[in-house]
Protein backbone atom coordinates (compact mmCIF):
# COMPACT_ATOMS: atom_id res chain seq x y z
CA MET A 1 0.00 0.00 0.00
CA LYS A 2 1.41 3.38 -1.03
CA LYS A 3 2.26 5.62 1.91
CA LYS A 4 0.10 8.74 2.05
CA GLU A 5 2.01 11.87 1.08
CA LYS A 6 2.54 14.36 3.89
CA LEU A 7 0.91 17.78 3.65
CA ARG A 8 3.49 20.55 3.36
CA VAL A 9 2.62 23.23 5.92
CA ALA A 10 4.34 26.60 5.55
CA VAL A 11 4.63 28.25 8.97
CA LEU A 12 4.76 32.01 8.41
CA PHE A 13 6.29 34.02 11.26
CA GLY A 14 8.09 37.22 12.26
CA GLY A 15 6.70 40.17 10.31
CA LYS A 16 6.71 43.98 10.30
CA SER A 17 5.15 44.40 13.71
CA ALA A 18 6.09 45.35 17.26
CA GLU A 19 5.04 41.78 18.10
CA HIS A 20 7.78 40.32 15.85
CA GLU A 21 9.66 38.59 18.69
CA VAL A 22 6.48 37.09 20.16
CA SER A 23 5.65 35.69 16.72
CA ILE A 24 9.04 33.97 16.54
CA GLN A 25 8.50 32.32 19.93
CA SER A 26 5.01 31.21 18.86
CA ALA A 27 6.24 29.79 15.55
CA LYS A 28 8.88 27.64 17.22
CA ASN A 29 6.22 26.00 19.38
CA VAL A 30 3.81 25.47 16.47
CA ILE A 31 6.59 23.80 14.45
CA ASP A 32 7.46 21.54 17.40
CA ALA A 33 3.78 20.61 17.87
CA LEU A 34 3.03 19.65 14.26
CA ASP A 35 2.30 15.96 13.76
CA LYS A 36 5.34 14.96 11.69
CA GLU A 37 3.53 11.79 10.56
CA ARG A 38 0.99 13.96 8.70
CA PHE A 39 2.79 17.22 8.04
CA GLU A 40 6.09 18.42 6.64
CA PRO A 41 6.85 21.92 7.99
CA VAL A 42 8.26 24.59 5.69
CA LEU A 43 9.65 27.57 7.64
CA ILE A 44 9.13 31.04 6.21
CA GLY A 45 10.39 33.95 8.31
CA ILE A 46 9.49 37.55 7.53
CA ASP A 47 12.05 40.07 8.78
CA LYS A 48 11.25 43.53 10.18
CA GLU A 49 11.77 45.09 6.74
CA GLY A 50 9.13 42.77 5.26
CA LEU A 51 11.47 40.45 3.32
CA TRP A 52 10.53 36.77 3.25
CA HIS A 53 13.17 34.13 4.01
CA LEU A 54 13.10 30.36 3.61
CA ASN A 55 14.55 29.01 6.84
CA ASP A 56 16.33 25.83 7.75
CA GLY A 57 14.75 24.34 10.87
CA GLY A 58 18.12 23.98 12.56
CA HIS A 59 18.94 27.66 12.07
CA LEU A 60 15.55 29.23 12.71
CA LEU A 61 16.34 31.44 15.67
CA ILE A 62 19.14 33.46 17.19
CA ASN A 63 19.31 33.67 21.01
CA ASN A 64 16.61 31.04 21.30
CA GLY A 65 16.87 30.91 25.09
CA SER A 66 16.30 34.63 25.75
CA PRO A 67 12.84 36.23 25.28
CA LYS A 68 14.55 39.66 25.28
CA LEU A 69 17.12 38.83 22.60
CA ILE A 70 15.36 36.21 20.46
CA ALA A 71 15.54 37.06 16.75
CA LEU A 72 14.89 35.71 13.28
CA ASN A 73 17.95 34.24 11.59
CA ARG A 74 17.90 36.06 8.27
CA THR A 75 19.09 33.81 5.46
CA SER A 76 20.21 34.50 1.91
CA LYS A 77 17.27 32.40 0.70
CA ASP A 78 14.90 35.26 -0.09
CA ILE A 79 11.55 34.18 -1.50
CA SER A 80 8.47 35.85 -2.96
CA LEU A 81 4.80 34.95 -3.29
CA ILE A 82 3.08 35.28 -6.67
CA PRO A 83 -0.56 36.46 -6.40
CA GLY A 84 -2.81 35.01 -9.08
CA ALA A 85 -0.85 31.80 -9.59
CA GLN A 86 -2.85 28.63 -9.01
CA LYS A 87 0.13 26.48 -8.00
CA ASN A 88 3.85 26.85 -7.27
CA GLN A 89 3.03 30.27 -5.83
CA ILE A 90 6.20 30.72 -3.76
CA LEU A 91 9.43 31.29 -5.67
CA SER A 92 13.08 31.82 -4.85
CA ALA A 93 13.82 35.52 -5.36
CA ASP A 94 17.21 34.67 -6.90
CA THR A 95 16.53 31.69 -9.14
CA GLN A 96 12.79 32.22 -9.73
CA LYS A 97 12.35 28.50 -9.13
CA ASN A 98 9.46 27.40 -6.93
CA ILE A 99 10.22 26.06 -3.45
CA GLY A 100 7.97 23.07 -3.93
CA ARG A 101 4.32 22.35 -3.30
CA ILE A 102 2.67 24.21 -0.39
CA ASP A 103 -0.59 22.65 0.78
CA VAL A 104 -1.53 25.10 3.53
CA ILE A 105 -0.16 28.21 5.24
CA PHE A 106 -0.08 28.47 9.04
CA PRO A 107 0.31 32.21 9.80
CA VAL A 108 1.79 32.85 13.23
CA LEU A 109 2.02 36.59 12.66
CA HIS A 110 0.83 38.77 15.53
CA GLY A 111 -0.24 42.37 15.09
CA PRO A 112 -0.38 44.58 11.95
CA PHE A 113 0.54 43.04 8.57
CA GLY A 114 -0.19 39.57 9.95
CA GLU A 115 -3.30 39.55 12.09
CA ASP A 116 -5.18 42.45 10.48
CA GLY A 117 -6.30 40.90 7.18
CA SER A 118 -3.27 42.01 5.15
CA ILE A 119 -1.58 38.63 4.80
CA GLN A 120 -4.95 36.88 4.62
CA GLY A 121 -5.87 38.91 1.52
CA LEU A 122 -2.52 38.14 -0.08
CA LEU A 123 -2.94 34.42 0.56
CA LYS A 124 -6.45 34.45 -0.88
CA LEU A 125 -5.13 36.13 -4.03
CA ALA A 126 -2.44 33.45 -4.21
CA ASN A 127 -5.09 30.71 -3.91
CA LEU A 128 -3.52 29.20 -0.79
CA PRO A 129 -5.49 27.79 2.14
CA PHE A 130 -4.50 29.31 5.48
CA VAL A 131 -5.20 28.75 9.15
CA GLY A 132 -7.34 31.25 11.05
CA SER A 133 -9.83 33.98 10.24
CA GLY A 134 -10.29 35.40 6.76
CA VAL A 135 -9.83 39.00 5.70
CA LEU A 136 -12.94 40.40 7.40
CA GLY A 137 -12.65 38.57 10.72
CA SER A 138 -8.95 39.37 10.94
CA ALA A 139 -9.39 43.07 10.19
CA VAL A 140 -12.33 43.49 12.55
CA GLY A 141 -10.69 41.51 15.34
CA MET A 142 -7.50 43.59 15.11
CA ASP A 143 -9.20 46.98 15.34
CA LYS A 144 -10.22 47.51 18.96
CA ASP A 145 -12.44 50.46 18.08
CA VAL A 146 -14.44 48.66 15.36
CA SER A 147 -14.66 45.37 17.26
CA LYS A 148 -15.93 47.10 20.40
CA ARG A 149 -18.60 48.94 18.43
CA LEU A 150 -19.77 45.70 16.79
CA LEU A 151 -19.88 43.89 20.13
CA ARG A 152 -21.75 46.77 21.76
CA ASP A 153 -24.29 46.90 18.94
CA SER A 154 -24.85 43.14 19.34
CA ASN A 155 -25.67 43.65 23.03
CA ILE A 156 -22.47 41.98 24.23
CA PRO A 157 -21.27 43.91 27.30
CA ILE A 158 -17.97 45.81 27.00
CA ALA A 159 -16.10 48.48 28.97
CA ASN A 160 -16.77 52.13 28.15
CA PHE A 161 -14.30 53.59 25.66
CA LEU A 162 -13.51 56.53 23.39
CA SER A 163 -11.51 56.51 20.16
CA TYR A 164 -9.55 59.21 18.33
CA LYS A 165 -7.72 59.30 15.01
CA HIS A 166 -4.38 61.03 14.61
CA SER A 167 -6.10 63.86 12.72
CA GLN A 168 -8.14 64.53 15.90
CA LYS A 169 -5.08 64.71 18.13
CA LYS A 170 -5.52 68.39 18.97
CA ALA A 171 -9.03 67.66 20.26
CA ILE A 172 -7.79 65.14 22.82
CA SER A 173 -7.73 66.54 26.34
CA PHE A 174 -7.53 65.03 29.80
CA GLU A 175 -10.63 66.42 31.51
CA PRO A 176 -13.34 65.19 29.08
CA ILE A 177 -11.83 61.71 29.09
CA VAL A 178 -11.77 61.60 32.88
CA SER A 179 -15.38 62.81 32.89
CA ALA A 180 -16.40 59.98 30.54
CA LEU A 181 -14.24 57.15 31.88
CA GLY A 182 -13.07 58.09 35.37
CA LEU A 183 -9.60 57.46 36.79
CA PRO A 184 -7.53 55.45 36.18
CA PHE A 185 -8.04 54.68 32.49
CA PHE A 186 -6.03 52.96 29.75
CA VAL A 187 -4.61 54.41 26.54
CA LYS A 188 -4.06 51.88 23.74
CA PRO A 189 -3.16 51.74 20.05
CA ALA A 190 -6.32 50.60 18.25
CA ASN A 191 -4.48 48.02 16.14
CA LEU A 192 -1.91 46.09 18.14
CA GLY A 193 -1.69 43.29 20.68
CA SER A 194 0.53 41.80 23.40
CA SER A 195 -0.05 45.00 25.46
CA VAL A 196 2.43 46.91 23.28
CA GLY A 197 2.04 50.70 23.50
CA ILE A 198 -0.47 50.53 26.36
CA SER A 199 -0.34 52.89 29.34
CA LYS A 200 -2.39 53.12 32.51
CA VAL A 201 -3.08 56.76 33.34
CA LYS A 202 -3.70 57.56 37.01
CA LYS A 203 -3.08 61.32 36.97
CA LYS A 204 -2.89 64.24 34.57
CA GLY A 205 0.92 64.25 34.50
CA GLU A 206 0.93 60.82 32.83
CA PHE A 207 -1.59 61.69 30.13
CA GLU A 208 0.46 63.39 27.42
CA LYS A 209 3.19 60.74 27.50
CA ALA A 210 0.61 57.93 27.25
CA VAL A 211 -1.08 59.50 24.22
CA LYS A 212 2.26 60.02 22.51
CA GLU A 213 3.28 56.42 23.21
CA ALA A 214 0.06 54.97 21.75
CA PHE A 215 0.28 57.12 18.60
CA GLN A 216 3.78 55.76 17.96
CA TYR A 217 2.19 52.42 17.07
CA ASP A 218 -1.05 53.38 15.33
CA ARG A 219 -2.87 56.31 13.75
CA LYS A 220 -5.94 55.57 15.86
CA ILE A 221 -5.97 55.12 19.63
CA ILE A 222 -8.59 54.26 22.21
CA PHE A 223 -9.18 55.32 25.80
CA GLU A 224 -10.78 52.66 27.94
CA GLU A 225 -12.17 52.69 31.45
CA ASN A 226 -10.36 50.67 34.07
CA ILE A 227 -12.38 47.65 35.15
CA ALA A 228 -11.78 46.37 38.66
CA GLY A 229 -12.25 42.66 38.23
CA ARG A 230 -10.76 39.29 37.37
CA GLU A 231 -9.14 38.68 33.96
CA ILE A 232 -10.75 35.59 32.43
CA GLU A 233 -9.78 34.07 29.07
CA CYS A 234 -11.44 31.46 26.87
CA SER A 235 -10.24 29.76 23.68
CA VAL A 236 -12.56 29.21 20.71
CA LEU A 237 -12.04 26.78 17.82
CA GLY A 238 -14.04 26.21 14.63
CA ASN A 239 -15.58 27.69 11.51
CA GLU A 240 -19.39 27.56 11.22
CA ASN A 241 -19.88 25.68 14.49
CA PRO A 242 -17.25 26.97 16.92
CA VAL A 243 -16.73 25.49 20.37
CA ALA A 244 -15.24 27.02 23.52
CA SER A 245 -12.64 25.65 25.91
CA ILE A 246 -12.82 25.76 29.67
CA PRO A 247 -11.97 29.28 30.93
CA GLY A 248 -8.73 30.24 32.64
CA GLU A 249 -7.70 33.23 34.74
CA VAL A 250 -4.70 35.55 34.49
CA ILE A 251 -3.62 36.66 37.95
CA SER A 252 -1.15 39.50 37.49
CA ASN A 253 1.75 40.05 39.86
CA THR A 254 0.68 43.50 41.01
CA ALA A 255 3.83 43.86 43.13
CA ASN A 256 5.94 44.02 39.94
CA HIS A 257 3.48 45.18 37.28
CA ASP A 258 0.65 47.71 37.28
CA PHE A 259 -1.25 45.63 34.69
CA TYR A 260 -0.70 42.62 32.41
CA SER A 261 1.92 44.38 30.31
CA TYR A 262 4.21 43.11 27.54
CA GLU A 263 6.99 42.57 30.08
CA ALA A 264 4.66 40.69 32.43
CA LYS A 265 3.50 38.47 29.56
CA TYR A 266 6.76 37.61 27.84
CA ILE A 267 9.83 38.77 29.78
CA ASP A 268 9.20 38.40 33.52
CA GLU A 269 8.68 34.72 34.30
CA ASN A 270 6.95 35.81 37.51
CA GLY A 271 4.81 38.45 35.79
CA ALA A 272 1.57 36.55 36.22
CA VAL A 273 0.06 33.25 37.28
CA LEU A 274 -2.22 31.39 34.86
CA GLU A 275 -4.90 29.53 36.77
CA ILE A 276 -6.38 26.77 34.61
CA PRO A 277 -9.20 26.08 35.01
CA ALA A 278 -10.36 29.32 36.56
CA LYS A 279 -12.13 28.98 39.89
CA LEU A 280 -15.62 29.84 38.68
CA SER A 281 -19.12 28.55 39.32
CA LYS A 282 -20.71 26.29 36.71
CA GLU A 283 -23.06 29.14 35.83
CA ILE A 284 -20.23 31.60 35.19
CA VAL A 285 -18.28 29.00 33.17
CA ALA A 286 -21.33 28.46 30.95
CA LEU A 287 -21.79 32.22 30.57
CA VAL A 288 -18.13 32.73 29.61
CA GLN A 289 -18.26 29.95 27.02
CA ASP A 290 -21.55 31.16 25.54
CA MET A 291 -20.40 34.78 25.35
CA ALA A 292 -17.04 33.73 23.87
CA VAL A 293 -18.76 31.89 21.00
CA ARG A 294 -21.22 34.75 20.46
CA ALA A 295 -18.43 37.35 20.30
CA TYR A 296 -16.45 35.08 17.94
CA GLN A 297 -19.40 34.85 15.57
CA VAL A 298 -20.29 38.56 15.78
CA LEU A 299 -16.74 39.46 14.69
CA CYS A 300 -16.84 36.91 11.82
CA CYS A 301 -13.95 34.85 13.21
CA GLU A 302 -12.93 31.47 11.83
CA GLY A 303 -10.41 28.85 12.81
CA MET A 304 -9.36 30.19 16.18
CA ALA A 305 -9.45 33.08 18.61
CA ARG A 306 -8.84 33.76 22.26
CA VAL A 307 -11.57 35.82 23.93
CA ASP A 308 -10.55 37.96 26.92
CA PHE A 309 -13.03 39.01 29.60
CA PHE A 310 -13.33 41.03 32.76
CA LEU A 311 -15.42 39.50 35.55
CA LYS A 312 -16.55 42.18 38.00
CA PRO A 313 -17.14 41.43 41.71
CA ASP A 314 -20.93 41.65 41.19
CA GLY A 315 -20.78 38.86 38.56
CA THR A 316 -21.03 41.14 35.52
CA LEU A 317 -19.04 39.74 32.59
CA LEU A 318 -17.51 42.09 29.99
CA VAL A 319 -15.69 41.18 26.77
CA ASN A 320 -12.34 42.98 26.60
CA GLU A 321 -11.04 41.85 23.20
CA LEU A 322 -10.52 38.95 20.78
CA ASN A 323 -7.18 37.78 19.42
CA THR A 324 -7.55 36.01 16.07
CA ILE A 325 -3.94 34.76 16.06
CA PRO A 326 -3.38 34.20 19.77
CA GLY A 327 0.05 33.55 21.18
CA PHE A 328 1.52 30.07 20.94
CA THR A 329 4.44 30.73 23.27
CA ALA A 330 5.29 28.42 26.15
CA ILE A 331 3.14 30.53 28.50
CA SER A 332 0.26 31.36 26.14
CA MET A 333 -3.30 30.71 27.27
CA TYR A 334 -4.82 29.55 23.97
CA THR A 335 -3.08 26.18 23.84
CA LYS A 336 -3.02 25.69 27.61
CA LEU A 337 -6.80 26.07 27.81
CA TRP A 338 -7.31 23.46 25.08
CA GLU A 339 -4.84 21.11 26.75
CA ALA A 340 -6.86 21.42 29.96
CA SER A 341 -10.01 20.76 27.91
CA GLY A 342 -8.54 17.48 26.63
CA LYS A 343 -6.97 18.58 23.34
CA SER A 344 -3.18 18.35 23.03
CA PHE A 345 -1.13 21.02 21.23
CA SER A 346 -0.46 18.52 18.43
CA GLN A 347 -4.18 17.71 18.07
CA LEU A 348 -4.98 21.41 18.08
CA THR A 349 -2.58 22.26 15.24
CA SER A 350 -3.96 19.33 13.22
CA GLU A 351 -7.54 20.52 13.70
CA LEU A 352 -6.64 24.08 12.74
CA ILE A 353 -5.02 22.86 9.51
CA ASP A 354 -8.00 20.63 8.74
CA LEU A 355 -10.38 23.58 9.27
CA ALA A 356 -8.30 25.72 6.90
CA ILE A 357 -8.36 23.12 4.14
CA LYS A 358 -12.08 22.47 4.59
CA ARG A 359 -12.90 26.18 4.25
CA PHE A 360 -10.62 26.49 1.21
CA LYS A 361 -12.37 23.60 -0.57
CA GLU A 362 -15.80 25.06 0.20
CA GLU A 363 -14.80 28.53 -1.03
CA ASN A 364 -13.41 27.06 -4.26
CA LYS A 365 -16.84 25.62 -5.05
CA LEU A 366 -18.29 29.14 -5.25
CA LYS A 367 -18.97 30.61 -8.67
CA THR A 368 -16.64 33.41 -9.76
CA SER A 369 -18.34 34.26 -13.05
CA ILE A 370 -21.82 34.49 -14.54
CA ASP A 371 -22.62 31.65 -16.95
C-alpha cells in the first residue's frame, strides 16, 4: 500500500510588527507541535523590513533561550509569493524556481501586517489555504475600536471607551476623558496586541506621555475605562460551528506590574500566574463559554481566537477583546486552555489545519463568473 504523502505546511512568522519577537516564539512552538507523521513543515520567516526568508529548521532562531534577545535568523534564501498563480506560488527571489508544493499556510504573525487581514488577503489572491480567520474577521478583530462597536451593537457587554484618530489629536484633552471614563483609564493603540504601547493613566501628569506612546504604534488610539475585576480568558475553535474551551484566569503580579503588560507576559517569568481552570461557578463558566462563542461569531472569526473578559465582583461579565492569532508561546493561554479541555497542542494544530483546508475547498466551489 502506497504511503500517504505528507501535507506541506508553511509556517509564516516574524513580520513587520512590534510583536515580531512574540511571533518567533510562537512559531517555534507550532513547528514543534506539528504531527510529523501527517505534516512536513516549511519555515518562512518575515524580517522587520518585510522580506521573506526560507529558513532551515536547525537555524531558525538566534538567542533562542532569551525572550529579550530572540531574533529571526535572516538567510540568503529570499523568496516571494506570486498572487494570481494557481500552483507553485512561492518562488526563490534569486533563481525564480518554486520552493515546492505548499498545501496550507499556518500564519503565526501577531499584530499589523499579519493579524489584520493584510496577509490573509494576499494568501487568498495566491489561492492558498490558510489557518485562522479570513480578511474580514482578521481586520475586525484587530481593530479595537471597530470590534468594540460591533460587540456593543450586538448587546455583548464591553467596557466604556472613546476613540480618536491622529487627525483629531488636537481635540484630545484630559478632563473630558476623565469625565467619561473616570480614573484610572487605559490608553491603547487601536491596532496592536501583546499589550504593546499601552499605558495606565492615574493622573494628569501621565496623560500626554501615554497619548504620545500609543500614537507611535497606530494612527488611531482608544481610551478605555479601568475595570476592577478578574481577567478571564477562553479559547474558541471552529468555523461555522465553533466550540469554547474551559476558561482560565490571568492573575497578574501586582507587586511588579501595574497591569498585564508586555513585560509581564513575555519577559518576567513571575509576571503573572495562569490559573487553569479558573475557579468559577458552573453558571459563570457556561456564561463565559456562551459569550465567547457569540463574540467570535459577531466578529466573523474562523479557525481560532482567544476571547478575553473582565469579571466584576458583582458577577457582571464584559468582553475585553478577541485575538484572532493568539500567542503560541510556552506561557500562552490559547493552547493551555485546550490542553486542559482534553486537546493536546499537536491535536490542536492538526484541527486548525483541517479547518483551513475544509474552508478552502468550500470557497473554491463558489462561482466566480456568470454563466
